[in-house]
Every structure is written in structure tokens, then in C-alpha cells.
Protein backbone atom coordinates (compact mmCIF):
# COMPACT_ATOMS: atom_id res chain seq x y z
CA UNK A 1 1.46 25.66 11.38
CA UNK A 2 0.62 24.71 7.54
CA UNK A 3 -2.59 23.83 6.18
CA UNK A 4 -3.08 20.80 3.97
CA UNK A 5 -4.34 21.51 0.85
CA UNK A 6 -6.31 18.83 -1.65
CA UNK A 7 -4.98 17.09 -3.91
CA UNK A 8 -5.91 14.84 -7.10
CA UNK A 9 -7.10 11.65 -4.67
CA UNK A 10 -9.61 14.55 -2.93
CA UNK A 11 -10.85 15.59 -6.40
CA UNK A 12 -12.88 12.60 -6.36
CA UNK A 13 -14.12 13.14 -3.16
CA UNK A 14 -15.40 16.57 -4.24
CA UNK A 15 -17.65 14.78 -6.56
CA UNK A 16 -19.98 13.86 -3.83
CA UNK A 17 -21.11 16.88 -2.60
CA UNK A 18 -24.56 18.52 -3.15
CA UNK A 19 -27.96 16.32 -2.32
CA UNK A 20 -29.13 13.34 -3.62
CA UNK A 21 -32.06 11.62 -3.66
CA UNK A 22 -33.19 7.96 -4.98
CA UNK A 23 -34.69 4.82 -4.95
CA UNK A 24 -33.29 2.01 -2.86
CA UNK A 25 -33.67 -1.96 -3.47
CA UNK A 26 -32.99 -4.03 -0.35
CA UNK A 27 -32.34 -7.42 -0.97
CA UNK A 28 -33.34 -9.99 2.25
CA UNK A 29 -30.87 -10.14 5.22
CA UNK A 30 -30.92 -12.04 8.55
CA UNK A 31 -32.06 -8.92 10.55
CA UNK A 32 -34.99 -7.90 7.54
CA UNK A 33 -35.80 -11.05 5.54
CA UNK A 34 -38.82 -9.46 4.17
CA UNK A 35 -37.60 -5.84 3.52
CA UNK A 36 -39.63 -3.21 1.83
CA UNK A 37 -38.37 -0.66 -1.33
CA UNK A 38 -36.80 2.35 0.62
CA UNK A 39 -36.09 5.86 -0.25
CA UNK A 40 -32.43 7.41 0.38
CA UNK A 41 -31.91 11.09 0.87
CA UNK A 42 -28.24 12.06 1.26
CA UNK A 43 -26.62 15.44 1.61
CA UNK A 44 -22.75 15.67 1.34
CA UNK A 45 -20.95 18.68 2.39
CA UNK A 46 -17.27 19.60 1.50
CA UNK A 47 -15.14 20.94 5.28
CA UNK A 48 -12.05 21.08 6.11
CA UNK A 49 -10.86 23.10 2.87
CA UNK A 50 -11.91 20.49 1.25
CA UNK A 51 -9.87 17.91 2.86
CA UNK A 52 -13.04 15.82 4.09
CA UNK A 53 -16.92 14.84 2.96
CA UNK A 54 -19.52 15.48 5.54
CA UNK A 55 -22.55 12.99 4.98
CA UNK A 56 -25.88 12.82 6.32
CA UNK A 57 -28.28 9.83 4.78
CA UNK A 58 -31.86 9.41 5.64
CA UNK A 59 -33.78 5.83 4.48
CA UNK A 60 -37.60 6.17 4.33
CA UNK A 61 -39.80 3.28 4.19
CA UNK A 62 -43.90 3.80 3.65
CA UNK A 63 -43.44 7.49 4.09
CA UNK A 64 -41.49 7.68 7.10
CA UNK A 65 -37.78 7.40 8.78
CA UNK A 66 -36.26 4.27 9.01
CA UNK A 67 -33.13 4.53 9.30
CA UNK A 68 -30.44 7.26 9.26
CA UNK A 69 -26.34 7.40 9.29
CA UNK A 70 -23.96 9.84 8.80
CA UNK A 71 -20.03 9.25 7.38
CA UNK A 72 -17.37 11.27 7.07
CA UNK A 73 -14.81 10.34 3.94
CA UNK A 74 -11.29 11.32 3.85
CA UNK A 75 -8.17 10.30 1.88
CA UNK A 76 -5.17 9.36 4.17
CA UNK A 77 -2.41 10.48 2.21
CA UNK A 78 -0.12 8.76 4.24
CA UNK A 79 -1.48 5.14 3.67
CA UNK A 80 -3.04 6.26 0.10
CA UNK A 81 -6.15 5.23 1.23
CA UNK A 82 -9.65 6.27 1.18
CA UNK A 83 -11.13 6.17 4.79
CA UNK A 84 -15.00 6.40 5.52
CA UNK A 85 -15.92 6.66 9.17
CA UNK A 86 -19.59 5.68 9.49
CA UNK A 87 -21.98 5.96 12.12
CA UNK A 88 -25.82 4.89 12.09
CA UNK A 89 -28.80 4.15 14.41
CA UNK A 90 -27.90 0.06 14.32
CA UNK A 91 -26.96 0.56 17.44
CA UNK A 92 -23.40 -1.14 16.44
CA UNK A 93 -19.91 0.38 17.02
CA UNK A 94 -18.75 2.91 14.41
CA UNK A 95 -17.51 1.28 11.39
CA UNK A 96 -14.21 2.16 9.24
CA UNK A 97 -14.33 1.59 5.84
CA UNK A 98 -10.79 1.37 3.39
CA UNK A 99 -10.68 1.61 -0.24
CA UNK A 100 -9.54 2.44 -3.41
CA UNK A 101 -11.03 4.08 -7.11
CA UNK A 102 -10.20 3.19 -9.67
CA UNK A 103 -12.57 4.82 -13.16
CA UNK A 104 -14.06 6.76 -10.70
CA UNK A 105 -15.74 3.82 -8.39
CA UNK A 106 -14.74 3.91 -4.68
CA UNK A 107 -14.72 0.61 -3.28
CA UNK A 108 -14.14 -0.06 0.56
CA UNK A 109 -14.21 -2.53 2.57
CA UNK A 110 -14.89 -2.85 6.63
CA UNK A 111 -14.29 -6.07 8.73
CA UNK A 112 -17.05 -6.05 12.04
CA UNK A 113 -19.74 -7.01 13.56
CA UNK A 114 -21.95 -8.70 12.51
CA UNK A 115 -19.64 -9.74 9.38
CA UNK A 116 -17.79 -8.06 6.79
CA UNK A 117 -19.17 -5.01 4.74
CA UNK A 118 -18.54 -3.54 1.14
CA UNK A 119 -19.18 -0.55 -0.38
CA UNK A 120 -19.35 0.49 -4.07
CA UNK A 121 -19.69 4.24 -5.08
CA UNK A 122 -19.76 5.01 -8.88
CA UNK A 123 -19.43 8.20 -9.30
CA UNK A 124 -18.63 7.71 -13.62
CA UNK A 125 -22.38 9.88 -13.77
CA UNK A 126 -21.75 13.49 -12.57
CA UNK A 127 -25.69 13.38 -12.37
CA UNK A 128 -25.66 10.22 -9.98
CA UNK A 129 -24.63 7.90 -7.55
CA UNK A 130 -24.71 4.23 -8.43
CA UNK A 131 -24.65 2.64 -4.68
CA UNK A 132 -24.52 -0.85 -3.94
CA UNK A 133 -23.63 -2.33 -0.61
CA UNK A 134 -22.72 -6.31 0.03
CA UNK A 135 -22.23 -8.19 3.38
CA UNK A 136 -20.05 -11.00 3.79
CA UNK A 137 -19.53 -13.61 6.83
CA UNK A 138 -15.89 -14.14 5.87
CA UNK A 139 -14.65 -11.20 3.62
CA UNK A 140 -14.41 -13.71 0.48
CA UNK A 141 -18.09 -14.35 -0.40
CA UNK A 142 -20.46 -11.55 -0.62
CA UNK A 143 -24.08 -10.75 -0.85
CA UNK A 144 -25.40 -7.86 -2.01
CA UNK A 145 -27.80 -5.74 0.65
CA UNK A 146 -28.33 -2.62 -1.10
CA UNK A 147 -28.79 -0.89 -4.61
CA UNK A 148 -29.77 2.10 -5.17
CA UNK A 149 -29.37 4.72 -8.41
CA UNK A 150 -29.21 8.50 -6.33
CA UNK A 151 -29.80 11.37 -8.72
CA UNK A 152 -28.37 14.88 -8.14
CA UNK A 153 -31.39 16.74 -6.97
CA UNK A 154 -28.52 19.79 -5.84
């Protein structure tokens, strides 16, 4: 059996590799109407012959762990789409985000509960990830939820 080889699309995913940390702005939401500032910590590692990125995320508020998540980033060569499989402590089922990259910016969406979610990973600057997450009840009208700039720490 011949192993899959990374493509140019996978090279974009490799830009995520490393440890990252940054301040987060969390906007009001139905489940958290009075959010506090947070700090996000991300560790990304390449796996499976550089075909995927394994992502671990921890959010801290007031120097306490407030939230944790885990994701697997991949590129589906059949669909020619990027995929993010997201798991977290919210109690919701895992989410599948699907998207595209243009100009070093990955935009991916997930229909889910409670509503739709859109994530944007801007990797235009190799020393930072500009991240935004938006929510929508219908997948048409989006409201910001999280905005962050993560700086590469290793």
C-alpha cells in the first residue's frame, strides 16, 4: 500500500505547527452574557506523514482553566476542502468544519448546535495566527464571538 504524500494544500496546514499564545476578546453570547478577557494557549503538531495537524487548545480566565478543546485539521483531496474535526468540554457533539484557503486565510463553517459556527485562521504573518469565531442562527447573519491574536512561542 502506498502512503499518501503531502500536497501544496497540506503545506498550508504545516504553518499551524508550533506553540501559540494570545489574548482573546470574547463577545457576549446567550450562554455567557458578561464574558471576561481570556488567554488562549495552542499546541499544534504535524502527524501522519505531515497530512494532518493535531491541535490542543486551553483557555484561561483569571489564571484558571476555563475551557479546553481538541481538533484535527486535514485536507480532503477528494472534495478539495479543508476539514476541522473539533471536540471540546461544552457537552455538545463533535463539530465538523469545512472550508477553503485564500491568501493564507482558512475560512471554515460548521452547521451545528446551537446554530452555525464560522472560524477564520489568518496565517498571513508567519509569527502569528489572527483568529476569529462567529456564530449565526441561520448561517447567513454572523455575530462575532471570539477574536484573538496568537503569537508563536516555539
